[in-house]
Amino acid sequence: MLAPLLGSIALVLSLLGGCSREEASTPGSARAPSEHLVAAIQVEPASTITRHERPGSLRFRRLVRLFSQEEGRVTQFDLFEGDRVAADALLVVLDDDLLLAELDRARATRAQAELDVQRLSDLVARRAASDAELSQARTALAVAEADVRLLETRLAFTRISAPFAGVVTERLVEPGDFVGKNTHLLTIADPDSLVAEVFVSEFILPGVRRADPAQVRIDALGTATFPAQVLRIHPQLEATSRQGLIELALEEAPPGAAAGQFVRVTLETAAVERLMIPFRALRRDRDGELVWVIEESGAVARRSVRSGLQMDDRIEILDGLTAGERIVTRGFLGLSEGKTVRVVPE
């Protein structure tokens, strides 16, 4: 009984195997290879405004250090740091007794010279004195007048006034101190002239223009931002960092703002036409940066490119692509040169 049963099973298996080999050898029975699906976009230029946040600090744009132009003892100085002063207000007075005495002597000399000129003029008219004597007297009068003007000017230097309305930021001497010439006495600043200074990379600097809008956030005053605009772009870069200095004027200095505070400045550059692509479309390998371009035939081709500025999830292409071309954004696995693809929506 067992032998006939095993023979039947072997016969059935043999028939099934034959059918399988016959089907495999039938032309057209093999499965067609699956299509390579990709997502793609058409590259077009876009008008872009770039924003860059840079750290910086506040400083006074209008600040004056006042020095003595005469030597002497300080007889009056009643101002302290933080005091406000009006324009032309008297700030410091130096002892002027010696200069007053010299001025009195110079004025007396001038008066005598005037009398000599008048006397010699009468004598010359009567032919009792020569023209040379009169000319010499007039020269002496001119010298005496110059001495008077010089001492009057030096006397004015003993009274130091404010060149503009501002606030005292430094007080460096005290009443009773003797100061020499060119001694730093005090510093005043215009509190309404606060500017923010930031250093900007040489790659960003060409896109910044005067009067460009910006936002300034002062860490000490919280998260509020204050409108500003680019006031000045310094023409020279630092040799080590390759960065340039930019000054920004606040539209209105907020209460509590002070020179030296840390700020964060957000710059908004002018709108520029750029060829932007999704960042995920840019690939990199040992040869550099590349994208996969879909040709009219539907095949893909590798294209070397050079990238530029990155903005969020997009990146600028500076070289290697032209407007209107289609590039692959998804479906890179298994992609190869010349492979035919089918574009599907993302």
C-alpha atoms as a PDB file:
ATOM      1  CA  MET A   1       0.000   0.000   0.000  1.00  0.00           C
ATOM      2  CA  LEU A   2       2.800   2.513   0.846  1.00  0.00           C
ATOM      3  CA  ALA A   3       4.766   2.023  -2.403  1.00  0.00           C
ATOM      4  CA  PRO A   4       1.842   2.839  -4.789  1.00  0.00           C
ATOM      5  CA  LEU A   5       1.001   5.989  -2.692  1.00  0.00           C
ATOM      6  CA  LEU A   6       4.573   7.353  -2.874  1.00  0.00           C
ATOM      7  CA  GLY A   7       4.617   6.792  -6.611  1.00  0.00           C
ATOM      8  CA  SER A   8       1.429   8.843  -7.081  1.00  0.00           C
ATOM      9  CA  ILE A   9       2.814  11.782  -5.081  1.00  0.00           C
ATOM     10  CA  ALA A  10       6.045  11.792  -7.138  1.00  0.00           C
ATOM     11  CA  LEU A  11       4.033  11.823 -10.381  1.00  0.00           C
ATOM     12  CA  VAL A  12       1.977  14.857  -9.268  1.00  0.00           C
ATOM     13  CA  LEU A  13       5.092  16.848  -8.227  1.00  0.00           C
ATOM     14  CA  SER A  14       6.736  16.057 -11.541  1.00  0.00           C
ATOM     15  CA  LEU A  15       3.771  17.421 -13.488  1.00  0.00           C
ATOM     16  CA  LEU A  16       3.645  20.638 -11.410  1.00  0.00           C
ATOM     17  CA  GLY A  17       7.347  21.288 -11.917  1.00  0.00           C
ATOM     18  CA  GLY A  18       7.005  20.893 -15.648  1.00  0.00           C
ATOM     19  CA  CYS A  19       4.187  23.417 -15.786  1.00  0.00           C
ATOM     20  CA  SER A  20       6.231  25.931 -13.847  1.00  0.00           C
ATOM     21  CA  ARG A  21       9.221  25.628 -16.186  1.00  0.00           C
ATOM     22  CA  GLU A  22       6.937  25.982 -19.202  1.00  0.00           C
ATOM     23  CA  GLU A  23       5.359  29.177 -17.853  1.00  0.00           C
ATOM     24  CA  ALA A  24       8.758  30.688 -17.034  1.00  0.00           C
ATOM     25  CA  SER A  25       9.989  30.016 -20.560  1.00  0.00           C
ATOM     26  CA  THR A  26       6.919  31.527 -22.255  1.00  0.00           C
ATOM     27  CA  PRO A  27       7.824  34.848 -23.987  1.00  0.00           C
ATOM     28  CA  GLY A  28       6.225  37.950 -22.384  1.00  0.00           C
ATOM     29  CA  SER A  29       5.399  36.180 -19.167  1.00  0.00           C
ATOM     30  CA  ALA A  30       8.116  38.130 -17.092  1.00  0.00           C
ATOM     31  CA  ARG A  31       6.930  41.224 -14.977  1.00  0.00           C
ATOM     32  CA  ALA A  32       7.822  44.630 -16.362  1.00  0.00           C
ATOM     33  CA  PRO A  33      10.300  46.588 -14.176  1.00  0.00           C
ATOM     34  CA  SER A  34       8.676  49.237 -11.860  1.00  0.00           C
ATOM     35  CA  GLU A  35       8.920  52.968 -12.779  1.00  0.00           C
ATOM     36  CA  HIS A  36      11.195  55.360 -10.868  1.00  0.00           C
ATOM     37  CA  LEU A  37       8.939  57.983  -9.298  1.00  0.00           C
ATOM     38  CA  VAL A  38      10.293  61.412  -8.344  1.00  0.00           C
ATOM     39  CA  ALA A  39       8.997  64.785  -7.214  1.00  0.00           C
ATOM     40  CA  ALA A  40      10.273  67.811  -9.125  1.00  0.00           C
ATOM     41  CA  ILE A  41       9.963  71.567  -9.469  1.00  0.00           C
ATOM     42  CA  GLN A  42      10.604  74.052 -12.236  1.00  0.00           C
ATOM     43  CA  VAL A  43      13.349  76.503 -11.326  1.00  0.00           C
ATOM     44  CA  GLU A  44      12.234  80.135 -11.472  1.00  0.00           C
ATOM     45  CA  PRO A  45      13.835  83.349 -10.145  1.00  0.00           C
ATOM     46  CA  ALA A  46      12.185  84.841  -7.068  1.00  0.00           C
ATOM     47  CA  SER A  47      12.318  88.292  -5.505  1.00  0.00           C
ATOM     48  CA  THR A  48      13.807  87.730  -2.056  1.00  0.00           C
ATOM     49  CA  ILE A  49      14.384  89.880   0.996  1.00  0.00           C
ATOM     50  CA  THR A  50      17.046  88.474   3.283  1.00  0.00           C
ATOM     51  CA  ARG A  51      17.029  88.909   7.052  1.00  0.00           C
ATOM     52  CA  HIS A  52      20.129  88.562   9.172  1.00  0.00           C
ATOM     53  CA  GLU A  53      20.374  88.896  12.947  1.00  0.00           C
ATOM     54  CA  ARG A  54      23.657  90.264  14.222  1.00  0.00           C
ATOM     55  CA  PRO A  55      24.824  91.155  17.757  1.00  0.00           C
ATOM     56  CA  GLY A  56      26.073  94.644  18.505  1.00  0.00           C
ATOM     57  CA  SER A  57      25.991  97.457  21.033  1.00  0.00           C
ATOM     58  CA  LEU A  58      24.660 100.962  21.502  1.00  0.00           C
ATOM     59  CA  ARG A  59      26.905 104.006  21.492  1.00  0.00           C
ATOM     60  CA  PHE A  60      26.559 107.793  21.388  1.00  0.00           C
ATOM     61  CA  ARG A  61      27.104 109.130  17.891  1.00  0.00           C
ATOM     62  CA  ARG A  62      27.492 112.669  19.244  1.00  0.00           C
ATOM     63  CA  LEU A  63      29.999 112.724  22.084  1.00  0.00           C
ATOM     64  CA  VAL A  64      32.563 115.427  22.946  1.00  0.00           C
ATOM     65  CA  ARG A  65      35.575 115.241  25.248  1.00  0.00           C
ATOM     66  CA  LEU A  66      36.354 118.715  26.583  1.00  0.00           C
ATOM     67  CA  PHE A  67      39.992 119.641  27.257  1.00  0.00           C
ATOM     68  CA  SER A  68      41.601 122.681  28.837  1.00  0.00           C
ATOM     69  CA  GLN A  69      43.369 125.078  26.491  1.00  0.00           C
ATOM     70  CA  GLU A  70      44.924 127.076  29.339  1.00  0.00           C
ATOM     71  CA  GLU A  71      46.537 126.025  32.579  1.00  0.00           C
ATOM     72  CA  GLY A  72      45.226 127.091  35.937  1.00  0.00           C
ATOM     73  CA  ARG A  73      43.337 126.127  39.056  1.00  0.00           C
ATOM     74  CA  VAL A  74      39.727 124.923  38.689  1.00  0.00           C
ATOM     75  CA  THR A  75      37.557 127.467  40.481  1.00  0.00           C
ATOM     76  CA  GLN A  76      34.099 126.269  39.398  1.00  0.00           C
ATOM     77  CA  PHE A  77      32.832 122.844  38.382  1.00  0.00           C
ATOM     78  CA  ASP A  78      29.409 121.955  39.790  1.00  0.00           C
ATOM     79  CA  LEU A  79      28.347 119.187  37.400  1.00  0.00           C
ATOM     80  CA  PHE A  80      28.375 115.420  37.920  1.00  0.00           C
ATOM     81  CA  GLU A  81      27.792 112.349  35.763  1.00  0.00           C
ATOM     82  CA  GLY A  82      24.197 112.195  34.580  1.00  0.00           C
ATOM     83  CA  ASP A  83      23.552 115.943  34.872  1.00  0.00           C
ATOM     84  CA  ARG A  84      21.926 117.500  31.843  1.00  0.00           C
ATOM     85  CA  VAL A  85      23.307 120.724  30.411  1.00  0.00           C
ATOM     86  CA  ALA A  86      21.908 123.237  27.943  1.00  0.00           C
ATOM     87  CA  ALA A  87      23.742 124.424  24.865  1.00  0.00           C
ATOM     88  CA  ASP A  88      26.311 127.146  25.682  1.00  0.00           C
ATOM     89  CA  ALA A  89      25.889 126.528  29.424  1.00  0.00           C
ATOM     90  CA  LEU A  90      28.972 127.343  31.537  1.00  0.00           C
ATOM     91  CA  LEU A  91      30.615 124.087  32.644  1.00  0.00           C
ATOM     92  CA  VAL A  92      34.095 124.776  34.041  1.00  0.00           C
ATOM     93  CA  VAL A  93      35.877 127.977  35.142  1.00  0.00           C
ATOM     94  CA  LEU A  94      39.660 128.249  35.604  1.00  0.00           C
ATOM     95  CA  ASP A  95      41.531 130.859  37.644  1.00  0.00           C
ATOM     96  CA  ASP A  96      42.063 133.900  35.397  1.00  0.00           C
ATOM     97  CA  ASP A  97      43.807 136.443  37.715  1.00  0.00           C
ATOM     98  CA  LEU A  98      47.166 136.199  35.960  1.00  0.00           C
ATOM     99  CA  LEU A  99      45.667 136.561  32.504  1.00  0.00           C
ATOM    100  CA  LEU A 100      43.578 139.551  33.614  1.00  0.00           C
ATOM    101  CA  ALA A 101      46.744 141.289  34.852  1.00  0.00           C
ATOM    102  CA  GLU A 102      48.530 140.593  31.579  1.00  0.00           C
ATOM    103  CA  LEU A 103      45.525 141.880  29.670  1.00  0.00           C
ATOM    104  CA  ASP A 104      45.495 145.126  31.651  1.00  0.00           C
ATOM    105  CA  ARG A 105      49.161 145.630  30.825  1.00  0.00           C
ATOM    106  CA  ALA A 106      48.583 144.925  27.136  1.00  0.00           C
ATOM    107  CA  ARG A 107      45.714 147.390  27.009  1.00  0.00           C
ATOM    108  CA  ALA A 108      47.919 150.064  28.622  1.00  0.00           C
ATOM    109  CA  THR A 109      50.619 149.385  26.054  1.00  0.00           C
ATOM    110  CA  ARG A 110      48.085 149.734  23.297  1.00  0.00           C
ATOM    111  CA  ALA A 111      46.837 153.043  24.676  1.00  0.00           C
ATOM    112  CA  GLN A 112      50.396 154.395  24.753  1.00  0.00           C
ATOM    113  CA  ALA A 113      50.967 153.200  21.182  1.00  0.00           C
ATOM    114  CA  GLU A 114      47.841 155.025  20.046  1.00  0.00           C
ATOM    115  CA  LEU A 115      49.116 158.250  21.643  1.00  0.00           C
ATOM    116  CA  ASP A 116      52.516 157.821  19.967  1.00  0.00           C
ATOM    117  CA  VAL A 117      50.905 157.427  16.551  1.00  0.00           C
ATOM    118  CA  GLN A 118      48.726 160.498  17.076  1.00  0.00           C
ATOM    119  CA  ARG A 119      51.705 162.600  18.276  1.00  0.00           C
ATOM    120  CA  LEU A 120      53.984 161.544  15.415  1.00  0.00           C
ATOM    121  CA  SER A 121      51.239 162.172  12.870  1.00  0.00           C
ATOM    122  CA  ASP A 122      51.066 165.831  14.053  1.00  0.00           C
ATOM    123  CA  LEU A 123      54.853 166.139  13.937  1.00  0.00           C
ATOM    124  CA  VAL A 124      55.067 164.716  10.440  1.00  0.00           C
ATOM    125  CA  ALA A 125      52.420 167.215   9.316  1.00  0.00           C
ATOM    126  CA  ARG A 126      54.668 170.037  10.639  1.00  0.00           C
ATOM    127  CA  ARG A 127      57.742 168.351   9.170  1.00  0.00           C
ATOM    128  CA  ALA A 128      59.128 167.872  12.679  1.00  0.00           C
ATOM    129  CA  ALA A 129      59.327 164.040  12.421  1.00  0.00           C
ATOM    130  CA  SER A 130      60.111 161.617   9.629  1.00  0.00           C
ATOM    131  CA  ASP A 131      57.747 159.204   7.940  1.00  0.00           C
ATOM    132  CA  ALA A 132      59.934 156.343   9.132  1.00  0.00           C
ATOM    133  CA  GLU A 133      59.286 157.259  12.773  1.00  0.00           C
ATOM    134  CA  LEU A 134      55.538 157.369  12.128  1.00  0.00           C
ATOM    135  CA  SER A 135      55.638 153.972  10.373  1.00  0.00           C
ATOM    136  CA  GLN A 136      57.513 152.470  13.312  1.00  0.00           C
ATOM    137  CA  ALA A 137      54.908 153.818  15.743  1.00  0.00           C
ATOM    138  CA  ARG A 138      52.073 152.373  13.710  1.00  0.00           C
ATOM    139  CA  THR A 139      53.793 148.971  13.731  1.00  0.00           C
ATOM    140  CA  ALA A 140      54.099 149.144  17.520  1.00  0.00           C
ATOM    141  CA  LEU A 141      50.371 149.936  17.737  1.00  0.00           C
ATOM    142  CA  ALA A 142      49.503 146.927  15.561  1.00  0.00           C
ATOM    143  CA  VAL A 143      51.588 144.647  17.791  1.00  0.00           C
ATOM    144  CA  ALA A 144      49.931 146.046  20.919  1.00  0.00           C
ATOM    145  CA  GLU A 145      46.461 145.420  19.461  1.00  0.00           C
ATOM    146  CA  ALA A 146      47.449 141.846  18.572  1.00  0.00           C
ATOM    147  CA  ASP A 147      48.672 141.268  22.147  1.00  0.00           C
ATOM    148  CA  VAL A 148      45.317 142.457  23.486  1.00  0.00           C
ATOM    149  CA  ARG A 149      43.375 140.125  21.170  1.00  0.00           C
ATOM    150  CA  LEU A 150      45.636 137.201  22.110  1.00  0.00           C
ATOM    151  CA  LEU A 151      45.087 137.701  25.838  1.00  0.00           C
ATOM    152  CA  GLU A 152      41.345 138.183  25.381  1.00  0.00           C
ATOM    153  CA  THR A 153      41.241 134.834  23.529  1.00  0.00           C
ATOM    154  CA  ARG A 154      43.281 133.081  26.207  1.00  0.00           C
ATOM    155  CA  LEU A 155      41.017 134.582  28.863  1.00  0.00           C
ATOM    156  CA  ALA A 156      37.970 133.144  27.078  1.00  0.00           C
ATOM    157  CA  PHE A 157      39.602 129.693  27.244  1.00  0.00           C
ATOM    158  CA  THR A 158      39.335 129.795  31.052  1.00  0.00           C
ATOM    159  CA  ARG A 159      35.549 129.542  30.752  1.00  0.00           C
ATOM    160  CA  ILE A 160      34.477 126.271  29.124  1.00  0.00           C
ATOM    161  CA  SER A 161      30.909 126.034  27.806  1.00  0.00           C
ATOM    162  CA  ALA A 162      28.773 123.201  26.433  1.00  0.00           C
ATOM    163  CA  PRO A 163      28.929 122.909  22.628  1.00  0.00           C
ATOM    164  CA  PHE A 164      25.421 121.401  22.567  1.00  0.00           C
ATOM    165  CA  ALA A 165      22.659 120.280  24.896  1.00  0.00           C
ATOM    166  CA  GLY A 166      23.505 116.930  26.420  1.00  0.00           C
ATOM    167  CA  VAL A 167      24.358 114.924  29.493  1.00  0.00           C
ATOM    168  CA  VAL A 168      27.636 114.675  31.410  1.00  0.00           C
ATOM    169  CA  THR A 169      29.122 111.193  31.053  1.00  0.00           C
ATOM    170  CA  GLU A 170      32.570 111.777  32.622  1.00  0.00           C
ATOM    171  CA  ARG A 171      33.849 114.158  35.354  1.00  0.00           C
ATOM    172  CA  LEU A 172      37.619 113.932  35.613  1.00  0.00           C
ATOM    173  CA  VAL A 173      38.689 116.911  37.777  1.00  0.00           C
ATOM    174  CA  GLU A 174      37.551 118.575  40.983  1.00  0.00           C
ATOM    175  CA  PRO A 175      37.344 122.239  42.080  1.00  0.00           C
ATOM    176  CA  GLY A 176      40.762 123.244  43.392  1.00  0.00           C
ATOM    177  CA  ASP A 177      42.709 120.954  41.064  1.00  0.00           C
ATOM    178  CA  PHE A 178      45.471 122.565  39.036  1.00  0.00           C
ATOM    179  CA  VAL A 179      45.256 121.502  35.408  1.00  0.00           C
ATOM    180  CA  GLY A 180      47.725 121.997  32.601  1.00  0.00           C
ATOM    181  CA  LYS A 181      47.039 122.594  28.953  1.00  0.00           C
ATOM    182  CA  ASN A 182      45.274 119.804  27.046  1.00  0.00           C
ATOM    183  CA  THR A 183      43.914 118.159  30.199  1.00  0.00           C
ATOM    184  CA  HIS A 184      40.740 116.095  29.753  1.00  0.00           C
ATOM    185  CA  LEU A 185      38.187 117.739  32.054  1.00  0.00           C
ATOM    186  CA  LEU A 186      34.829 116.146  31.254  1.00  0.00           C
ATOM    187  CA  THR A 187      32.786 114.452  28.530  1.00  0.00           C
ATOM    188  CA  ILE A 188      29.268 115.252  27.416  1.00  0.00           C
ATOM    189  CA  ALA A 189      27.051 113.291  25.026  1.00  0.00           C
ATOM    190  CA  ASP A 190      23.792 113.826  23.211  1.00  0.00           C
ATOM    191  CA  PRO A 191      21.374 111.178  24.591  1.00  0.00           C
ATOM    192  CA  ASP A 192      19.204 111.464  21.482  1.00  0.00           C
ATOM    193  CA  SER A 193      22.068 110.397  19.227  1.00  0.00           C
ATOM    194  CA  LEU A 194      22.167 106.729  20.242  1.00  0.00           C
ATOM    195  CA  VAL A 195      23.110 104.402  17.386  1.00  0.00           C
ATOM    196  CA  ALA A 196      23.494 100.649  17.188  1.00  0.00           C
ATOM    197  CA  GLU A 197      26.778  99.310  15.839  1.00  0.00           C
ATOM    198  CA  VAL A 198      27.049  95.828  14.342  1.00  0.00           C
ATOM    199  CA  PHE A 199      29.686  93.967  12.359  1.00  0.00           C
ATOM    200  CA  VAL A 200      28.466  92.296   9.169  1.00  0.00           C
ATOM    201  CA  SER A 201      30.152  89.635   7.045  1.00  0.00           C
ATOM    202  CA  GLU A 202      31.727  90.640   3.744  1.00  0.00           C
ATOM    203  CA  PHE A 203      29.236  88.319   1.989  1.00  0.00           C
ATOM    204  CA  ILE A 204      26.201  90.151   3.396  1.00  0.00           C
ATOM    205  CA  LEU A 205      27.616  93.677   3.196  1.00  0.00           C
ATOM    206  CA  PRO A 206      27.098  94.154  -0.592  1.00  0.00           C
ATOM    207  CA  GLY A 207      23.342  93.692  -0.124  1.00  0.00           C
ATOM    208  CA  VAL A 208      23.042  96.377   2.566  1.00  0.00           C
ATOM    209  CA  ARG A 209      22.152  99.931   1.570  1.00  0.00           C
ATOM    210  CA  ARG A 210      21.779 103.181   3.475  1.00  0.00           C
ATOM    211  CA  ALA A 211      18.225 103.737   4.790  1.00  0.00           C
ATOM    212  CA  ASP A 212      17.469  99.991   4.670  1.00  0.00           C
ATOM    213  CA  PRO A 213      14.924  99.112   7.396  1.00  0.00           C
ATOM    214  CA  ALA A 214      16.010  97.136  10.447  1.00  0.00           C
ATOM    215  CA  GLN A 215      14.768  96.025  13.847  1.00  0.00           C
ATOM    216  CA  VAL A 216      16.706  96.483  17.078  1.00  0.00           C
ATOM    217  CA  ARG A 217      16.134  94.465  20.241  1.00  0.00           C
ATOM    218  CA  ILE A 218      17.836  95.604  23.443  1.00  0.00           C
ATOM    219  CA  ASP A 219      18.284  92.626  25.764  1.00  0.00           C
ATOM    220  CA  ALA A 220      18.172  94.788  28.894  1.00  0.00           C
ATOM    221  CA  LEU A 221      14.718  96.101  27.915  1.00  0.00           C
ATOM    222  CA  GLY A 222      13.058  92.756  27.219  1.00  0.00           C
ATOM    223  CA  THR A 223      11.809  91.236  23.983  1.00  0.00           C
ATOM    224  CA  ALA A 224      10.388  94.397  22.412  1.00  0.00           C
ATOM    225  CA  THR A 225      11.860  95.458  19.074  1.00  0.00           C
ATOM    226  CA  PHE A 226      12.387  99.031  17.921  1.00  0.00           C
ATOM    227  CA  PRO A 227      12.417 100.266  14.316  1.00  0.00           C
ATOM    228  CA  ALA A 228      15.686 101.579  12.921  1.00  0.00           C
ATOM    229  CA  GLN A 229      17.403 102.130   9.620  1.00  0.00           C
ATOM    230  CA  VAL A 230      20.935 101.886   8.281  1.00  0.00           C
ATOM    231  CA  LEU A 231      22.641 105.223   8.895  1.00  0.00           C
ATOM    232  CA  ARG A 232      26.206 104.621   7.791  1.00  0.00           C
ATOM    233  CA  ILE A 233      28.265 101.813   6.226  1.00  0.00           C
ATOM    234  CA  HIS A 234      31.961 102.045   7.038  1.00  0.00           C
ATOM    235  CA  PRO A 235      34.102 101.594   3.917  1.00  0.00           C
ATOM    236  CA  GLN A 236      36.860  99.464   5.456  1.00  0.00           C
ATOM    237  CA  LEU A 237      36.688  95.844   6.618  1.00  0.00           C
ATOM    238  CA  GLU A 238      38.608  94.335   9.505  1.00  0.00           C
ATOM    239  CA  ALA A 239      41.509  92.346   8.084  1.00  0.00           C
ATOM    240  CA  THR A 240      41.177  89.422  10.525  1.00  0.00           C
ATOM    241  CA  SER A 241      37.401  88.864  10.611  1.00  0.00           C
ATOM    242  CA  ARG A 242      36.561  90.220   7.114  1.00  0.00           C
ATOM    243  CA  GLN A 243      33.628  92.075   8.607  1.00  0.00           C
ATOM    244  CA  GLY A 244      32.451  95.637   8.079  1.00  0.00           C
ATOM    245  CA  LEU A 245      30.918  98.031  10.598  1.00  0.00           C
ATOM    246  CA  ILE A 246      27.368  99.314  10.127  1.00  0.00           C
ATOM    247  CA  GLU A 247      25.660 102.058  12.150  1.00  0.00           C
ATOM    248  CA  LEU A 248      21.892 102.053  12.589  1.00  0.00           C
ATOM    249  CA  ALA A 249      19.837 104.996  13.826  1.00  0.00           C
ATOM    250  CA  LEU A 250      16.868 104.295  16.079  1.00  0.00           C
ATOM    251  CA  GLU A 251      13.725 106.144  15.060  1.00  0.00           C
ATOM    252  CA  GLU A 252      13.215 106.959  18.729  1.00  0.00           C
ATOM    253  CA  ALA A 253      15.452 105.932  21.590  1.00  0.00           C
ATOM    254  CA  PRO A 254      13.321 103.971  24.100  1.00  0.00           C
ATOM    255  CA  PRO A 255      13.336 104.854  27.800  1.00  0.00           C
ATOM    256  CA  GLY A 256      16.108 102.981  29.552  1.00  0.00           C
ATOM    257  CA  ALA A 257      18.365 102.738  26.508  1.00  0.00           C
ATOM    258  CA  ALA A 258      21.993 103.565  27.280  1.00  0.00           C
ATOM    259  CA  ALA A 259      25.287 103.519  25.481  1.00  0.00           C
ATOM    260  CA  GLY A 260      27.116 100.228  25.862  1.00  0.00           C
ATOM    261  CA  GLN A 261      24.008  98.027  26.053  1.00  0.00           C
ATOM    262  CA  PHE A 262      23.952  94.750  24.107  1.00  0.00           C
ATOM    263  CA  VAL A 263      21.593  94.700  21.122  1.00  0.00           C
ATOM    264  CA  ARG A 264      20.432  92.246  18.488  1.00  0.00           C
ATOM    265  CA  VAL A 265      19.898  93.826  15.081  1.00  0.00           C
ATOM    266  CA  THR A 266      17.806  92.225  12.339  1.00  0.00           C
ATOM    267  CA  LEU A 267      18.792  93.596   8.943  1.00  0.00           C
ATOM    268  CA  GLU A 268      16.439  93.475   5.978  1.00  0.00           C
ATOM    269  CA  THR A 269      18.246  93.786   2.677  1.00  0.00           C
ATOM    270  CA  ALA A 270      16.608  95.188  -0.450  1.00  0.00           C
ATOM    271  CA  ALA A 271      14.613  92.807  -2.691  1.00  0.00           C
ATOM    272  CA  VAL A 272      16.898  90.944  -5.102  1.00  0.00           C
ATOM    273  CA  GLU A 273      16.083  88.465  -7.877  1.00  0.00           C
ATOM    274  CA  ARG A 274      17.667  85.129  -6.961  1.00  0.00           C
ATOM    275  CA  LEU A 275      17.455  81.617  -8.396  1.00  0.00           C
ATOM    276  CA  MET A 276      16.223  79.702  -5.344  1.00  0.00           C
ATOM    277  CA  ILE A 277      15.626  75.948  -5.009  1.00  0.00           C
ATOM    278  CA  PRO A 278      14.543  73.787  -2.053  1.00  0.00           C
ATOM    279  CA  PHE A 279      17.505  72.921   0.116  1.00  0.00           C
ATOM    280  CA  ARG A 280      16.655  69.215  -0.104  1.00  0.00           C
ATOM    281  CA  ALA A 281      17.172  69.331  -3.905  1.00  0.00           C
ATOM    282  CA  LEU A 282      20.855  70.187  -3.490  1.00  0.00           C
ATOM    283  CA  ARG A 283      23.037  67.091  -3.205  1.00  0.00           C
ATOM    284  CA  ARG A 284      26.710  66.750  -2.372  1.00  0.00           C
ATOM    285  CA  ASP A 285      29.331  64.139  -3.091  1.00  0.00           C
ATOM    286  CA  ARG A 286      33.099  63.927  -3.468  1.00  0.00           C
ATOM    287  CA  ASP A 287      33.000  66.127  -6.577  1.00  0.00           C
ATOM    288  CA  GLY A 288      31.034  68.928  -4.911  1.00  0.00           C
ATOM    289  CA  GLU A 289      27.476  70.219  -5.127  1.00  0.00           C
ATOM    290  CA  LEU A 290      25.003  68.891  -7.690  1.00  0.00           C
ATOM    291  CA  VAL A 291      21.346  68.643  -8.672  1.00  0.00           C
ATOM    292  CA  TRP A 292      19.490  66.127 -10.825  1.00  0.00           C
ATOM    293  CA  VAL A 293      17.996  67.804 -13.901  1.00  0.00           C
ATOM    294  CA  ILE A 294      15.057  66.225 -15.756  1.00  0.00           C
ATOM    295  CA  GLU A 295      15.623  66.511 -19.499  1.00  0.00           C
ATOM    296  CA  GLU A 296      12.892  66.759 -22.134  1.00  0.00           C
ATOM    297  CA  SER A 297      13.209  63.041 -22.839  1.00  0.00           C
ATOM    298  CA  GLY A 298      12.299  62.265 -19.239  1.00  0.00           C
ATOM    299  CA  ALA A 299      15.789  61.054 -18.354  1.00  0.00           C
ATOM    300  CA  VAL A 300      17.747  62.607 -15.507  1.00  0.00           C
ATOM    301  CA  ALA A 301      21.214  64.113 -15.741  1.00  0.00           C
ATOM    302  CA  ARG A 302      23.643  65.055 -13.041  1.00  0.00           C
ATOM    303  CA  ARG A 303      24.481  68.792 -13.032  1.00  0.00           C
ATOM    304  CA  SER A 304      27.250  70.430 -10.999  1.00  0.00           C
ATOM    305  CA  VAL A 305      26.180  73.721  -9.418  1.00  0.00           C
ATOM    306  CA  ARG A 306      27.491  76.422  -7.092  1.00  0.00           C
ATOM    307  CA  SER A 307      25.282  77.518  -4.204  1.00  0.00           C
ATOM    308  CA  GLY A 308      25.042  80.855  -2.418  1.00  0.00           C
ATOM    309  CA  LEU A 309      22.862  82.276   0.295  1.00  0.00           C
ATOM    310  CA  GLN A 310      20.630  79.940   2.319  1.00  0.00           C
ATOM    311  CA  MET A 311      17.254  81.254   3.477  1.00  0.00           C
ATOM    312  CA  ASP A 312      15.186  78.967   5.703  1.00  0.00           C
ATOM    313  CA  ASP A 313      14.547  75.806   3.630  1.00  0.00           C
ATOM    314  CA  ARG A 314      15.729  77.322   0.323  1.00  0.00           C
ATOM    315  CA  ILE A 315      19.164  77.947  -1.094  1.00  0.00           C
ATOM    316  CA  GLU A 316      20.414  80.210  -3.867  1.00  0.00           C
ATOM    317  CA  ILE A 317      22.046  78.735  -6.970  1.00  0.00           C
ATOM    318  CA  LEU A 318      24.715  81.026  -8.367  1.00  0.00           C
ATOM    319  CA  ASP A 319      25.933  78.896 -11.249  1.00  0.00           C
ATOM    320  CA  GLY A 320      24.941  75.718 -13.116  1.00  0.00           C
ATOM    321  CA  LEU A 321      21.178  76.186 -13.520  1.00  0.00           C
ATOM    322  CA  THR A 322      18.968  78.393 -15.656  1.00  0.00           C
ATOM    323  CA  ALA A 323      15.376  79.487 -15.166  1.00  0.00           C
ATOM    324  CA  GLY A 324      12.805  77.060 -16.587  1.00  0.00           C
ATOM    325  CA  GLU A 325      14.722  73.829 -15.967  1.00  0.00           C
ATOM    326  CA  ARG A 326      13.186  71.045 -13.881  1.00  0.00           C
ATOM    327  CA  ILE A 327      15.074  69.434 -11.030  1.00  0.00           C
ATOM    328  CA  VAL A 328      14.370  66.471  -8.766  1.00  0.00           C
ATOM    329  CA  THR A 329      13.405  67.281  -5.178  1.00  0.00           C
ATOM    330  CA  ARG A 330      12.515  63.788  -3.908  1.00  0.00           C
ATOM    331  CA  GLY A 331      13.176  60.220  -4.996  1.00  0.00           C
ATOM    332  CA  PHE A 332      16.979  60.184  -5.103  1.00  0.00           C
ATOM    333  CA  LEU A 333      17.381  56.586  -3.931  1.00  0.00           C
ATOM    334  CA  GLY A 334      18.547  54.502  -6.873  1.00  0.00           C
ATOM    335  CA  LEU A 335      18.742  57.491  -9.219  1.00  0.00           C
ATOM    336  CA  SER A 336      21.478  57.276 -11.848  1.00  0.00           C
ATOM    337  CA  GLU A 337      22.667  59.137 -14.921  1.00  0.00           C
ATOM    338  CA  GLY A 338      20.319  58.717 -17.903  1.00  0.00           C
ATOM    339  CA  LYS A 339      17.576  56.922 -15.951  1.00  0.00           C
ATOM    340  CA  THR A 340      14.036  57.648 -17.078  1.00  0.00           C
ATOM    341  CA  VAL A 341      11.744  58.939 -14.323  1.00  0.00           C
ATOM    342  CA  ARG A 342       8.094  59.787 -13.901  1.00  0.00           C
ATOM    343  CA  VAL A 343       7.216  62.947 -12.035  1.00  0.00           C
ATOM    344  CA  VAL A 344       4.440  62.665  -9.455  1.00  0.00           C
ATOM    345  CA  PRO A 345       3.004  65.344  -7.141  1.00  0.00           C
ATOM    346  CA  GLU A 346       4.562  65.576  -3.704  1.00  0.00           C
END
